[in-house]
Structure formats: C-alpha cells, structure tokens
Amino acid sequence: MTTPEINPITEKQAIEGQCVMLDNANYEICAFTKCEIVYRGGAMSTVKWRFKECDFYFGEAAGLTVLFLRGLYNMDGDGGTKQMVENLLRGPHDPPRYHPLYPRWRLGYGRDRL
C-alpha cells in the first residue's frame, strides 16, 4: 500500500468564500471564513485550523463514516455505542492501532478494546 501524497504547505492564510477540498491538503495556521469545506476521507495535515461560518460536506469514505457513527450513536439499548461515539469525538485518545485480522487502523475506543 502506498502513502497518499500530501500537497505542499499552505501556511498562515485567511481563506474566504471558497470551496476548499481537504483531501491531500496541507494547511497550517489557516482561517477559513464562509467557505464550503469538502472532505472525502483522504489524507491531510491539520495544524491550527479555524472555521467561521463554513458549511461542511462529507462525501465518499468520510460520508460513509459519518453515517456509520450516526447509526452507532442512535442505536437502541445500553450497548455503550452512544458513549463510545461521544468519547471518540471528545478526544484526545489512545493512538490508533491495527486490528490483527483486518489491516486497517482501529481507533481503540469503547468497552471492548483489542
């Protein structure tokens, strides 16, 4: 598996009224105002971003992840999924690690850690 290429650094910029694709982005110390922020699940670098009056759009892998987390959050019962999603979003947490049977990052949150 190859590592996705990250774009060159855009640093210390005030970006206003633009459609900004976060996939493969490398923004550092940037402020986004009244922008359309689009994220599809690709690699990116996040260093001190600020958002003001922006609309966010999650597509492809990112959109599916949002739907999955929403489903976990809204499940009935006391399985701990709502608390797990809240803890996940609250951060900071343990670093991700690989699941032994599925070579993807597992975040390691919830009651049943690997």
Protein backbone atom coordinates (compact mmCIF):
# COMPACT_ATOMS: atom_id res chain seq x y z
CA MET A 1 0.00 0.00 0.00
CA THR A 2 1.41 3.40 -0.94
CA THR A 3 1.18 6.50 1.22
CA PRO A 4 -1.02 9.21 -0.34
CA GLU A 5 0.80 12.32 -1.43
CA ILE A 6 0.07 15.46 0.58
CA ASN A 7 0.04 18.80 -1.24
CA PRO A 8 2.65 21.47 -0.44
CA ILE A 9 2.02 23.54 2.67
CA THR A 10 -0.39 26.47 2.53
CA GLU A 11 0.61 28.47 5.59
CA LYS A 12 -0.80 31.42 7.51
CA GLN A 13 -3.59 32.21 5.07
CA ALA A 14 -7.05 33.71 5.53
CA ILE A 15 -9.29 31.92 3.04
CA GLU A 16 -12.76 33.35 2.44
CA GLY A 17 -15.71 32.37 0.27
CA GLN A 18 -14.02 29.42 -1.46
CA CYS A 19 -14.76 25.75 -1.93
CA VAL A 20 -11.90 24.02 -0.09
CA MET A 21 -11.08 20.34 -0.65
CA LEU A 22 -9.40 18.91 2.45
CA ASP A 23 -8.29 15.65 0.83
CA ASN A 24 -4.49 15.69 0.41
CA ALA A 25 -4.48 19.20 1.89
CA ASN A 26 -1.68 20.63 3.98
CA TYR A 27 -2.96 23.82 5.60
CA GLU A 28 -1.09 25.19 8.61
CA ILE A 29 -2.32 28.05 10.78
CA CYS A 30 -5.12 28.97 8.35
CA ALA A 31 -8.51 30.58 8.90
CA PHE A 32 -11.49 29.66 6.73
CA THR A 33 -14.45 32.06 6.61
CA LYS A 34 -17.74 31.44 4.77
CA CYS A 35 -16.20 28.54 2.85
CA GLU A 36 -17.61 25.27 1.60
CA ILE A 37 -15.38 22.65 3.23
CA VAL A 38 -15.38 19.28 1.44
CA TYR A 39 -13.79 16.15 2.91
CA ARG A 40 -13.98 12.72 1.26
CA GLY A 41 -11.71 10.72 3.55
CA GLY A 42 -8.25 11.32 2.08
CA ALA A 43 -5.03 12.08 3.91
CA MET A 44 -4.49 15.59 5.22
CA SER A 45 -2.43 17.60 7.65
CA THR A 46 -4.26 19.60 10.33
CA VAL A 47 -2.33 22.27 12.19
CA LYS A 48 -4.26 25.07 13.91
CA TRP A 49 -7.22 25.46 11.58
CA ARG A 50 -10.06 27.88 12.36
CA PHE A 51 -13.50 27.86 10.77
CA LYS A 52 -16.09 30.64 10.85
CA GLU A 53 -19.50 30.38 9.19
CA CYS A 54 -18.43 27.48 6.96
CA ASP A 55 -20.57 24.69 5.51
CA PHE A 56 -19.13 21.18 5.74
CA TYR A 57 -19.72 18.39 3.22
CA PHE A 58 -18.59 14.81 3.80
CA GLY A 59 -18.50 12.55 0.75
CA GLU A 60 -17.33 9.09 -0.23
CA ALA A 61 -15.44 7.34 2.64
CA ALA A 62 -15.84 10.29 5.02
CA GLY A 63 -19.59 10.43 4.36
CA LEU A 64 -19.95 6.70 4.97
CA THR A 65 -18.02 7.04 8.22
CA VAL A 66 -20.30 9.86 9.38
CA LEU A 67 -23.36 7.72 8.59
CA PHE A 68 -21.84 4.75 10.46
CA LEU A 69 -21.06 6.87 13.55
CA ARG A 70 -24.55 8.41 13.44
CA GLY A 71 -26.04 4.91 13.34
CA LEU A 72 -23.94 3.80 16.32
CA TYR A 73 -24.92 6.92 18.23
CA ASN A 74 -28.64 6.39 17.63
CA MET A 75 -28.75 2.65 18.37
CA ASP A 76 -31.28 1.47 20.94
CA GLY A 77 -30.17 -0.40 24.03
CA ASP A 78 -27.39 0.05 26.52
CA GLY A 79 -24.53 -1.39 24.49
CA GLY A 80 -22.39 1.70 25.11
CA THR A 81 -22.31 2.84 21.47
CA LYS A 82 -23.63 6.34 22.20
CA GLN A 83 -20.99 6.88 24.88
CA MET A 84 -18.29 5.42 22.62
CA VAL A 85 -19.12 7.93 19.84
CA GLU A 86 -19.20 10.81 22.34
CA ASN A 87 -15.81 9.73 23.72
CA LEU A 88 -14.42 9.41 20.21
CA LEU A 89 -15.43 12.96 19.34
CA ARG A 90 -14.30 14.40 22.66
CA GLY A 91 -10.62 13.29 22.29
CA PRO A 92 -7.69 13.02 22.90
CA HIS A 93 -7.43 9.25 22.92
CA ASP A 94 -5.13 6.32 22.64
CA PRO A 95 -3.26 6.22 19.33
CA PRO A 96 -4.79 4.06 16.60
CA ARG A 97 -3.56 0.52 16.17
CA TYR A 98 -4.02 -2.31 13.68
CA HIS A 99 -6.62 -5.00 14.16
CA PRO A 100 -4.82 -8.36 13.74
CA LEU A 101 -7.33 -9.73 11.21
CA TYR A 102 -8.09 -6.58 9.26
CA PRO A 103 -5.16 -4.35 8.30
CA ARG A 104 -6.83 -1.00 8.86
CA TRP A 105 -6.45 1.43 11.70
CA ARG A 106 -8.69 0.69 14.67
CA LEU A 107 -9.26 3.63 16.96
CA GLY A 108 -9.48 1.51 20.10
CA TYR A 109 -12.44 3.24 21.74
CA GLY A 110 -15.27 1.68 23.65
CA ARG A 111 -15.60 -1.08 26.18
CA ASP A 112 -14.19 -3.92 24.10
CA ARG A 113 -10.72 -2.86 23.09
CA LEU A 114 -8.46 -5.26 21.24
